[in-house]
Amino acid sequence: QADLVESGGGSVQPGGSLTLSCDISGNIDAVHEVGWYRRQVPGQQREEVVTVTKDGKTKYADSVKGRFTIARDNAKNMLFLQMKNLEPEETATYYCNVMGDSSETFFEAFGPGTQVTVSS
């Protein structure tokens, strides 16, 4: 299984920028997909922000295209989300996600999340 820990959240004014980080550890044999999700209201389903398959296919939500960028540092087992021109409605808890195999068993894992607040 994988252990994921997000960091980098905080408060920013509208139009501001933040970069989130995700530290990935654990017994992972193969990664099928990584990504970032967010939840704006507790209890609601997480919204997909961006995903990247093992083949490098990247899919951004329409609302973040051109403003958000996902990046990976495979050597350090880290995932990043650079966010620019943030909007108040993007206030949410952001989660990194990994889908892969561990001991020949498929798994999907989320971190505990990091809070992003966009407010003037």
Protein backbone atom coordinates (compact mmCIF):
# COMPACT_ATOMS: atom_id res chain seq x y z
CA GLN A 1 0.00 0.00 0.00
CA ALA A 2 0.98 3.63 -0.36
CA ASP A 3 1.17 6.39 2.19
CA LEU A 4 0.56 9.88 0.84
CA VAL A 5 1.08 13.15 2.67
CA GLU A 6 0.18 16.49 1.12
CA SER A 7 1.67 19.84 2.08
CA GLY A 8 1.82 23.39 0.79
CA GLY A 9 -1.73 24.46 1.41
CA GLY A 10 -2.58 27.80 2.96
CA SER A 11 -4.38 31.06 2.47
CA VAL A 12 -3.98 33.15 -0.64
CA GLN A 13 -5.73 36.11 -2.18
CA PRO A 14 -7.73 35.76 -5.39
CA GLY A 15 -5.34 35.71 -8.30
CA GLY A 16 -2.58 34.28 -6.15
CA SER A 17 -0.54 31.13 -6.56
CA LEU A 18 0.29 28.07 -4.49
CA THR A 19 2.24 24.90 -5.11
CA LEU A 20 1.13 21.75 -3.37
CA SER A 21 3.40 18.80 -2.72
CA CYS A 22 2.68 15.14 -2.09
CA ASP A 23 5.20 12.81 -0.51
CA ILE A 24 4.57 9.22 -1.65
CA SER A 25 5.94 6.23 0.22
CA GLY A 26 5.16 2.58 0.77
CA ASN A 27 5.48 -0.74 -0.94
CA ILE A 28 4.48 0.12 -4.49
CA ASP A 29 5.29 -2.27 -7.29
CA ALA A 30 3.73 -0.29 -10.10
CA VAL A 31 1.86 2.98 -10.55
CA HIS A 32 -1.05 3.14 -12.97
CA GLU A 33 -2.17 6.69 -12.38
CA VAL A 34 -1.49 9.68 -10.14
CA GLY A 35 -3.50 12.80 -9.69
CA TRP A 36 -4.96 15.57 -7.59
CA TYR A 37 -8.54 15.89 -6.38
CA ARG A 38 -10.35 18.43 -4.24
CA ARG A 39 -13.37 18.56 -2.00
CA GLN A 40 -15.02 21.91 -1.40
CA VAL A 41 -17.71 20.79 1.02
CA PRO A 42 -17.13 18.10 3.64
CA GLY A 43 -19.07 15.00 2.79
CA GLN A 44 -19.26 15.74 -0.91
CA GLN A 45 -17.51 13.57 -3.46
CA ARG A 46 -14.01 14.61 -4.37
CA GLU A 47 -13.70 16.46 -7.65
CA GLU A 48 -11.02 15.36 -10.07
CA VAL A 49 -8.59 18.20 -10.75
CA VAL A 50 -5.91 16.48 -12.83
CA THR A 51 -4.76 12.93 -13.49
CA VAL A 52 -1.73 11.43 -15.25
CA THR A 53 -1.61 7.84 -16.46
CA LYS A 54 1.52 5.70 -16.51
CA ASP A 55 1.72 6.40 -20.23
CA GLY A 56 1.87 10.12 -19.56
CA LYS A 57 -1.67 10.96 -20.63
CA THR A 58 -2.68 14.02 -18.65
CA LYS A 59 -6.24 15.19 -18.12
CA TYR A 60 -7.10 18.49 -16.49
CA ALA A 61 -10.54 19.58 -15.38
CA ASP A 62 -11.81 22.25 -17.76
CA SER A 63 -11.97 24.78 -14.94
CA VAL A 64 -8.23 24.58 -14.23
CA LYS A 65 -6.77 24.23 -17.71
CA GLY A 66 -4.06 26.78 -18.33
CA ARG A 67 -3.76 27.65 -14.65
CA PHE A 68 -2.81 24.41 -12.90
CA THR A 69 0.19 22.22 -13.71
CA ILE A 70 0.95 18.76 -12.37
CA ALA A 71 4.53 17.59 -12.03
CA ARG A 72 6.33 14.51 -10.74
CA ASP A 73 9.76 13.90 -9.27
CA ASN A 74 10.12 10.16 -9.59
CA ALA A 75 13.53 10.15 -7.95
CA LYS A 76 12.06 11.67 -4.79
CA ASN A 77 8.66 9.96 -5.08
CA MET A 78 6.90 13.28 -5.03
CA LEU A 79 3.97 14.79 -6.84
CA PHE A 80 3.30 18.51 -7.22
CA LEU A 81 0.43 20.74 -8.22
CA GLN A 82 1.27 24.28 -9.26
CA MET A 83 -1.79 26.50 -9.07
CA LYS A 84 -1.96 30.00 -10.52
CA ASN A 85 -4.64 32.67 -10.64
CA LEU A 86 -6.65 31.00 -7.91
CA GLU A 87 -10.32 31.84 -7.51
CA PRO A 88 -12.38 31.97 -4.28
CA GLU A 89 -14.53 29.06 -5.42
CA GLU A 90 -11.41 26.92 -5.48
CA THR A 91 -11.24 26.99 -1.72
CA ALA A 92 -11.13 23.31 -0.86
CA THR A 93 -9.20 20.48 0.67
CA TYR A 94 -6.82 19.13 -1.95
CA TYR A 95 -5.84 15.46 -2.05
CA CYS A 96 -3.20 13.62 -3.99
CA ASN A 97 -4.08 10.20 -5.35
CA VAL A 98 -2.20 7.12 -6.48
CA MET A 99 -3.57 4.01 -8.15
CA GLY A 100 -1.20 1.11 -8.51
CA ASP A 101 -0.16 -2.36 -7.47
CA SER A 102 1.28 -3.45 -4.17
CA SER A 103 2.25 -7.11 -3.65
CA GLU A 104 0.36 -7.89 -6.88
CA THR A 105 -2.80 -6.32 -5.50
CA PHE A 106 -4.45 -3.22 -6.94
CA PHE A 107 -4.86 -0.29 -4.60
CA GLU A 108 -6.04 3.29 -4.66
CA ALA A 109 -4.86 5.72 -2.00
CA PHE A 110 -5.53 9.32 -1.03
CA GLY A 111 -3.61 11.45 1.41
CA PRO A 112 -5.29 13.22 4.34
CA GLY A 113 -5.46 16.43 2.30
CA THR A 114 -4.19 19.98 2.57
CA GLN A 115 -6.47 23.00 2.90
CA VAL A 116 -6.37 25.78 0.35
CA THR A 117 -8.30 28.96 1.13
CA VAL A 118 -8.69 31.67 -1.49
CA SER A 119 -10.05 34.84 0.04
CA SER A 120 -9.47 38.56 0.11
